[in-house]
Amino acid sequence: MNTRGPVVAVIDDDAAVCESTRFLLETYDFEVRTYLSGADFLRDNPDVACLIVDYQLPSLNGLALISELRMRGSLVPAIMITATTDPAVERRAAELGIREVLQKPLSNQMLLRAVREELA
């Protein structure tokens, strides 16, 4: 029997970011699946409650991934993470229904707050 909470997917090409985010979220009883690319996530097609997606991904950036999911009819909540701020990225993220664009390095408390808000 699964005693963990909602499933959160972390999609980032930096394995260290994936693992540190996994550790943080599992500490707060989330179940976490990690992916190093958007293509890996799409191939696996997991049933998740929330996504944490890096903007800068190989071949399929975070916005393109979310756009593809929206075209497939998925309304899964998503949080965009990025190393650089770009108003155009933030505007496009908002158009895709992404309410949070967080800057790296990530604040644990800000990330937890954002995930909890997306799942509320």
N, C-alpha and C. Protein backbone atom coordinates (compact mmCIF):
# COMPACT_ATOMS: atom_id res chain seq x y z
N MET A 1 0.84 -1.19 0.00
CA MET A 1 0.00 0.00 0.00
C MET A 1 0.88 1.24 0.00
N ASN A 2 0.56 2.20 -0.86
CA ASN A 2 1.33 3.43 -0.96
C ASN A 2 0.89 4.39 0.14
N THR A 3 1.81 4.77 1.00
CA THR A 3 1.47 5.69 2.08
C THR A 3 1.90 7.11 1.77
N ARG A 4 2.52 7.32 0.64
CA ARG A 4 2.98 8.66 0.26
C ARG A 4 1.80 9.47 -0.28
N GLY A 5 2.04 10.77 -0.36
CA GLY A 5 1.05 11.69 -0.87
C GLY A 5 1.04 11.73 -2.38
N PRO A 6 0.58 12.86 -2.94
CA PRO A 6 0.47 13.00 -4.40
C PRO A 6 1.80 12.79 -5.11
N VAL A 7 1.70 12.36 -6.37
CA VAL A 7 2.89 12.12 -7.19
C VAL A 7 3.29 13.42 -7.88
N VAL A 8 4.55 13.81 -7.70
CA VAL A 8 5.11 15.00 -8.33
C VAL A 8 6.23 14.54 -9.25
N ALA A 9 6.20 15.02 -10.49
CA ALA A 9 7.28 14.72 -11.44
C ALA A 9 8.22 15.91 -11.49
N VAL A 10 9.51 15.62 -11.40
CA VAL A 10 10.55 16.64 -11.52
C VAL A 10 11.28 16.37 -12.83
N ILE A 11 11.28 17.37 -13.73
CA ILE A 11 11.90 17.21 -15.04
C ILE A 11 12.99 18.27 -15.16
N ASP A 12 14.23 17.81 -15.08
CA ASP A 12 15.39 18.71 -15.13
C ASP A 12 16.57 17.91 -15.65
N ASP A 13 17.35 18.49 -16.56
CA ASP A 13 18.49 17.76 -17.12
C ASP A 13 19.69 17.70 -16.18
N ASP A 14 19.58 18.34 -15.03
CA ASP A 14 20.62 18.29 -14.01
C ASP A 14 20.21 17.24 -12.97
N ALA A 15 20.91 16.11 -12.96
CA ALA A 15 20.56 15.01 -12.05
C ALA A 15 20.62 15.46 -10.59
N ALA A 16 21.53 16.37 -10.26
CA ALA A 16 21.64 16.84 -8.88
C ALA A 16 20.38 17.61 -8.46
N VAL A 17 19.82 18.40 -9.37
CA VAL A 17 18.58 19.12 -9.08
C VAL A 17 17.44 18.11 -8.89
N CYS A 18 17.38 17.12 -9.75
CA CYS A 18 16.34 16.08 -9.62
C CYS A 18 16.43 15.40 -8.26
N GLU A 19 17.63 15.00 -7.88
CA GLU A 19 17.79 14.26 -6.63
C GLU A 19 17.57 15.11 -5.39
N SER A 20 18.04 16.34 -5.41
CA SER A 20 17.83 17.20 -4.24
C SER A 20 16.35 17.56 -4.09
N THR A 21 15.67 17.77 -5.22
CA THR A 21 14.24 18.06 -5.16
C THR A 21 13.47 16.83 -4.71
N ARG A 22 13.88 15.65 -5.20
CA ARG A 22 13.26 14.40 -4.74
C ARG A 22 13.39 14.28 -3.22
N PHE A 23 14.60 14.47 -2.72
CA PHE A 23 14.84 14.35 -1.28
C PHE A 23 13.94 15.30 -0.50
N LEU A 24 13.89 16.57 -0.93
CA LEU A 24 13.05 17.56 -0.25
C LEU A 24 11.60 17.13 -0.22
N LEU A 25 11.05 16.79 -1.38
CA LEU A 25 9.63 16.47 -1.47
C LEU A 25 9.28 15.17 -0.75
N GLU A 26 10.16 14.18 -0.84
CA GLU A 26 9.88 12.93 -0.13
C GLU A 26 9.91 13.13 1.39
N THR A 27 10.70 14.09 1.85
CA THR A 27 10.72 14.42 3.28
C THR A 27 9.34 14.89 3.73
N TYR A 28 8.58 15.49 2.82
CA TYR A 28 7.24 15.98 3.12
C TYR A 28 6.16 15.05 2.56
N ASP A 29 6.52 13.79 2.38
CA ASP A 29 5.59 12.70 2.03
C ASP A 29 5.00 12.76 0.63
N PHE A 30 5.65 13.44 -0.29
CA PHE A 30 5.24 13.36 -1.68
C PHE A 30 5.93 12.16 -2.31
N GLU A 31 5.27 11.55 -3.28
CA GLU A 31 5.93 10.55 -4.10
C GLU A 31 6.53 11.31 -5.28
N VAL A 32 7.77 11.02 -5.64
CA VAL A 32 8.46 11.81 -6.66
C VAL A 32 9.00 10.90 -7.75
N ARG A 33 8.80 11.32 -8.99
CA ARG A 33 9.42 10.66 -10.14
C ARG A 33 10.27 11.71 -10.84
N THR A 34 11.47 11.32 -11.25
CA THR A 34 12.37 12.28 -11.89
C THR A 34 12.66 11.87 -13.33
N TYR A 35 12.87 12.90 -14.16
CA TYR A 35 13.16 12.70 -15.57
C TYR A 35 14.22 13.71 -15.99
N LEU A 36 15.15 13.27 -16.82
CA LEU A 36 16.23 14.15 -17.27
C LEU A 36 15.90 14.88 -18.56
N SER A 37 14.74 14.59 -19.15
CA SER A 37 14.31 15.31 -20.36
C SER A 37 12.80 15.25 -20.49
N GLY A 38 12.28 16.19 -21.25
CA GLY A 38 10.85 16.18 -21.53
C GLY A 38 10.45 14.96 -22.34
N ALA A 39 11.33 14.53 -23.25
CA ALA A 39 11.05 13.34 -24.06
C ALA A 39 10.91 12.10 -23.17
N ASP A 40 11.77 11.98 -22.15
CA ASP A 40 11.67 10.86 -21.21
C ASP A 40 10.33 10.88 -20.49
N PHE A 41 9.91 12.06 -20.07
CA PHE A 41 8.63 12.19 -19.38
C PHE A 41 7.48 11.79 -20.30
N LEU A 42 7.47 12.31 -21.53
CA LEU A 42 6.41 11.99 -22.47
C LEU A 42 6.38 10.50 -22.81
N ARG A 43 7.54 9.89 -22.92
CA ARG A 43 7.63 8.46 -23.22
C ARG A 43 7.03 7.63 -22.09
N ASP A 44 7.31 8.03 -20.85
CA ASP A 44 6.81 7.30 -19.67
C ASP A 44 5.32 7.58 -19.46
N ASN A 45 4.89 8.80 -19.76
CA ASN A 45 3.50 9.23 -19.64
C ASN A 45 2.89 8.87 -18.28
N PRO A 46 3.53 9.29 -17.19
CA PRO A 46 3.03 8.92 -15.87
C PRO A 46 1.80 9.71 -15.46
N ASP A 47 1.04 9.15 -14.56
CA ASP A 47 -0.10 9.84 -13.97
C ASP A 47 0.43 10.61 -12.76
N VAL A 48 0.52 11.92 -12.86
CA VAL A 48 1.07 12.73 -11.79
C VAL A 48 0.10 13.84 -11.41
N ALA A 49 0.28 14.35 -10.18
CA ALA A 49 -0.59 15.42 -9.69
C ALA A 49 -0.01 16.80 -9.96
N CYS A 50 1.31 16.88 -10.16
CA CYS A 50 1.97 18.18 -10.36
C CYS A 50 3.32 17.96 -11.03
N LEU A 51 3.73 18.93 -11.84
CA LEU A 51 5.03 18.90 -12.50
C LEU A 51 5.90 20.04 -12.00
N ILE A 52 7.19 19.75 -11.85
CA ILE A 52 8.20 20.79 -11.66
C ILE A 52 9.11 20.65 -12.87
N VAL A 53 9.10 21.66 -13.73
CA VAL A 53 9.76 21.55 -15.03
C VAL A 53 10.79 22.66 -15.22
N ASP A 54 12.00 22.25 -15.55
CA ASP A 54 13.04 23.23 -15.88
C ASP A 54 12.74 23.81 -17.27
N TYR A 55 12.98 25.10 -17.42
CA TYR A 55 12.79 25.71 -18.74
C TYR A 55 13.82 25.19 -19.73
N GLN A 56 15.08 25.14 -19.32
CA GLN A 56 16.18 24.75 -20.21
C GLN A 56 16.34 23.23 -20.19
N LEU A 57 15.72 22.56 -21.13
CA LEU A 57 15.84 21.11 -21.27
C LEU A 57 16.39 20.80 -22.65
N PRO A 58 17.08 19.69 -22.81
CA PRO A 58 17.60 19.33 -24.14
C PRO A 58 16.47 19.00 -25.11
N SER A 59 16.55 19.49 -26.28
CA SER A 59 15.67 19.27 -27.43
C SER A 59 14.23 19.77 -27.26
N LEU A 60 13.64 19.63 -26.12
CA LEU A 60 12.26 20.05 -25.89
C LEU A 60 12.26 20.86 -24.60
N ASN A 61 12.23 22.21 -24.72
CA ASN A 61 12.31 23.01 -23.49
C ASN A 61 11.04 22.85 -22.67
N GLY A 62 11.09 23.37 -21.45
CA GLY A 62 9.96 23.21 -20.53
C GLY A 62 8.65 23.75 -21.06
N LEU A 63 8.69 24.90 -21.73
CA LEU A 63 7.45 25.46 -22.29
C LEU A 63 6.90 24.59 -23.41
N ALA A 64 7.79 24.06 -24.25
CA ALA A 64 7.33 23.17 -25.32
C ALA A 64 6.73 21.89 -24.74
N LEU A 65 7.30 21.39 -23.67
CA LEU A 65 6.76 20.20 -23.01
C LEU A 65 5.36 20.47 -22.49
N ILE A 66 5.18 21.57 -21.77
CA ILE A 66 3.86 21.90 -21.23
C ILE A 66 2.87 22.15 -22.36
N SER A 67 3.32 22.82 -23.42
CA SER A 67 2.47 23.05 -24.57
C SER A 67 1.99 21.73 -25.18
N GLU A 68 2.90 20.77 -25.30
CA GLU A 68 2.54 19.45 -25.83
C GLU A 68 1.53 18.76 -24.92
N LEU A 69 1.73 18.86 -23.63
CA LEU A 69 0.78 18.25 -22.70
C LEU A 69 -0.60 18.90 -22.81
N ARG A 70 -0.63 20.23 -22.95
CA ARG A 70 -1.91 20.94 -23.10
C ARG A 70 -2.61 20.50 -24.39
N MET A 71 -1.84 20.34 -25.47
CA MET A 71 -2.43 19.89 -26.74
C MET A 71 -3.00 18.49 -26.61
N ARG A 72 -2.43 17.68 -25.72
CA ARG A 72 -2.93 16.33 -25.48
C ARG A 72 -4.10 16.31 -24.50
N GLY A 73 -4.49 17.49 -24.03
CA GLY A 73 -5.63 17.59 -23.13
C GLY A 73 -5.30 17.54 -21.64
N SER A 74 -4.02 17.51 -21.30
CA SER A 74 -3.62 17.45 -19.90
C SER A 74 -3.66 18.84 -19.27
N LEU A 75 -4.30 18.93 -18.13
CA LEU A 75 -4.34 20.18 -17.38
C LEU A 75 -3.53 20.08 -16.09
N VAL A 76 -2.60 19.11 -16.04
CA VAL A 76 -1.80 18.91 -14.84
C VAL A 76 -1.11 20.22 -14.45
N PRO A 77 -1.20 20.60 -13.17
CA PRO A 77 -0.53 21.83 -12.75
C PRO A 77 0.98 21.70 -12.90
N ALA A 78 1.62 22.82 -13.24
CA ALA A 78 3.06 22.81 -13.46
C ALA A 78 3.69 24.04 -12.83
N ILE A 79 4.90 23.83 -12.34
CA ILE A 79 5.74 24.90 -11.82
C ILE A 79 6.98 24.94 -12.70
N MET A 80 7.30 26.09 -13.25
CA MET A 80 8.48 26.25 -14.09
C MET A 80 9.64 26.72 -13.22
N ILE A 81 10.81 26.09 -13.42
CA ILE A 81 12.02 26.55 -12.74
C ILE A 81 13.01 26.96 -13.82
N THR A 82 13.79 27.97 -13.52
CA THR A 82 14.72 28.48 -14.52
C THR A 82 15.92 29.15 -13.86
N ALA A 83 17.03 29.11 -14.54
CA ALA A 83 18.25 29.76 -14.04
C ALA A 83 18.28 31.24 -14.38
N THR A 84 17.49 31.66 -15.36
CA THR A 84 17.48 33.06 -15.78
C THR A 84 16.06 33.59 -15.85
N THR A 85 15.89 34.84 -15.53
CA THR A 85 14.57 35.45 -15.66
C THR A 85 14.42 36.00 -17.06
N ASP A 86 13.25 35.80 -17.60
CA ASP A 86 12.94 36.29 -18.94
C ASP A 86 11.45 36.57 -18.98
N PRO A 87 11.07 37.85 -19.12
CA PRO A 87 9.64 38.19 -19.14
C PRO A 87 8.86 37.45 -20.23
N ALA A 88 9.49 37.18 -21.36
CA ALA A 88 8.79 36.44 -22.44
C ALA A 88 8.49 35.01 -22.00
N VAL A 89 9.41 34.39 -21.30
CA VAL A 89 9.19 33.03 -20.79
C VAL A 89 8.06 33.06 -19.76
N GLU A 90 8.09 34.05 -18.88
CA GLU A 90 7.04 34.15 -17.86
C GLU A 90 5.67 34.39 -18.49
N ARG A 91 5.60 35.21 -19.53
CA ARG A 91 4.33 35.46 -20.22
C ARG A 91 3.81 34.17 -20.86
N ARG A 92 4.69 33.47 -21.56
CA ARG A 92 4.27 32.23 -22.23
C ARG A 92 3.86 31.18 -21.20
N ALA A 93 4.58 31.13 -20.09
CA ALA A 93 4.22 30.19 -19.03
C ALA A 93 2.81 30.50 -18.52
N ALA A 94 2.52 31.77 -18.29
CA ALA A 94 1.18 32.16 -17.83
C ALA A 94 0.11 31.77 -18.85
N GLU A 95 0.41 31.95 -20.14
CA GLU A 95 -0.55 31.56 -21.19
C GLU A 95 -0.86 30.06 -21.14
N LEU A 96 0.11 29.27 -20.70
CA LEU A 96 -0.07 27.82 -20.61
C LEU A 96 -0.65 27.39 -19.27
N GLY A 97 -0.99 28.36 -18.43
CA GLY A 97 -1.59 28.05 -17.14
C GLY A 97 -0.60 27.80 -16.02
N ILE A 98 0.65 28.15 -16.24
CA ILE A 98 1.67 27.98 -15.20
C ILE A 98 1.64 29.23 -14.33
N ARG A 99 1.32 29.04 -13.06
CA ARG A 99 1.19 30.19 -12.15
C ARG A 99 2.50 30.58 -11.49
N GLU A 100 3.44 29.65 -11.41
CA GLU A 100 4.70 29.93 -10.72
C GLU A 100 5.90 29.69 -11.64
N VAL A 101 6.77 30.68 -11.74
CA VAL A 101 8.07 30.54 -12.39
C VAL A 101 9.09 30.89 -11.32
N LEU A 102 9.83 29.88 -10.86
CA LEU A 102 10.78 30.07 -9.77
C LEU A 102 12.21 30.09 -10.30
N GLN A 103 12.99 30.95 -9.72
CA GLN A 103 14.39 31.11 -10.13
C GLN A 103 15.30 30.18 -9.33
N LYS A 104 16.24 29.57 -10.05
CA LYS A 104 17.28 28.78 -9.39
C LYS A 104 18.35 29.73 -8.87
N PRO A 105 19.03 29.43 -7.80
CA PRO A 105 18.83 28.24 -6.97
C PRO A 105 17.50 28.32 -6.24
N LEU A 106 16.86 27.18 -6.12
CA LEU A 106 15.53 27.11 -5.54
C LEU A 106 15.56 27.25 -4.03
N SER A 107 14.62 28.01 -3.53
CA SER A 107 14.39 28.07 -2.09
C SER A 107 13.47 26.89 -1.74
N ASN A 108 13.90 26.07 -0.79
CA ASN A 108 13.08 24.93 -0.40
C ASN A 108 11.68 25.35 0.01
N GLN A 109 11.58 26.39 0.81
CA GLN A 109 10.27 26.82 1.29
C GLN A 109 9.39 27.37 0.16
N MET A 110 9.99 28.11 -0.77
CA MET A 110 9.20 28.63 -1.91
C MET A 110 8.71 27.48 -2.78
N LEU A 111 9.56 26.48 -3.01
CA LEU A 111 9.17 25.34 -3.83
C LEU A 111 8.06 24.55 -3.15
N LEU A 112 8.20 24.28 -1.87
CA LEU A 112 7.15 23.56 -1.14
C LEU A 112 5.83 24.33 -1.17
N ARG A 113 5.89 25.64 -0.95
CA ARG A 113 4.69 26.45 -1.00
C ARG A 113 4.02 26.35 -2.37
N ALA A 114 4.81 26.47 -3.42
CA ALA A 114 4.27 26.42 -4.78
C ALA A 114 3.62 25.06 -5.06
N VAL A 115 4.28 23.98 -4.68
CA VAL A 115 3.70 22.64 -4.90
C VAL A 115 2.39 22.50 -4.13
N ARG A 116 2.40 22.90 -2.88
CA ARG A 116 1.17 22.79 -2.08
C ARG A 116 0.05 23.63 -2.67
N GLU A 117 0.36 24.83 -3.15
CA GLU A 117 -0.67 25.67 -3.76
C GLU A 117 -1.23 25.04 -5.03
N GLU A 118 -0.36 24.44 -5.83
CA GLU A 118 -0.82 23.80 -7.06
C GLU A 118 -1.72 22.59 -6.78
N LEU A 119 -1.49 21.94 -5.66
CA LEU A 119 -2.27 20.75 -5.31
C LEU A 119 -3.51 21.06 -4.50
N ALA A 120 -3.65 22.31 -4.06
CA ALA A 120 -4.81 22.69 -3.22
C ALA A 120 -6.08 22.75 -4.02
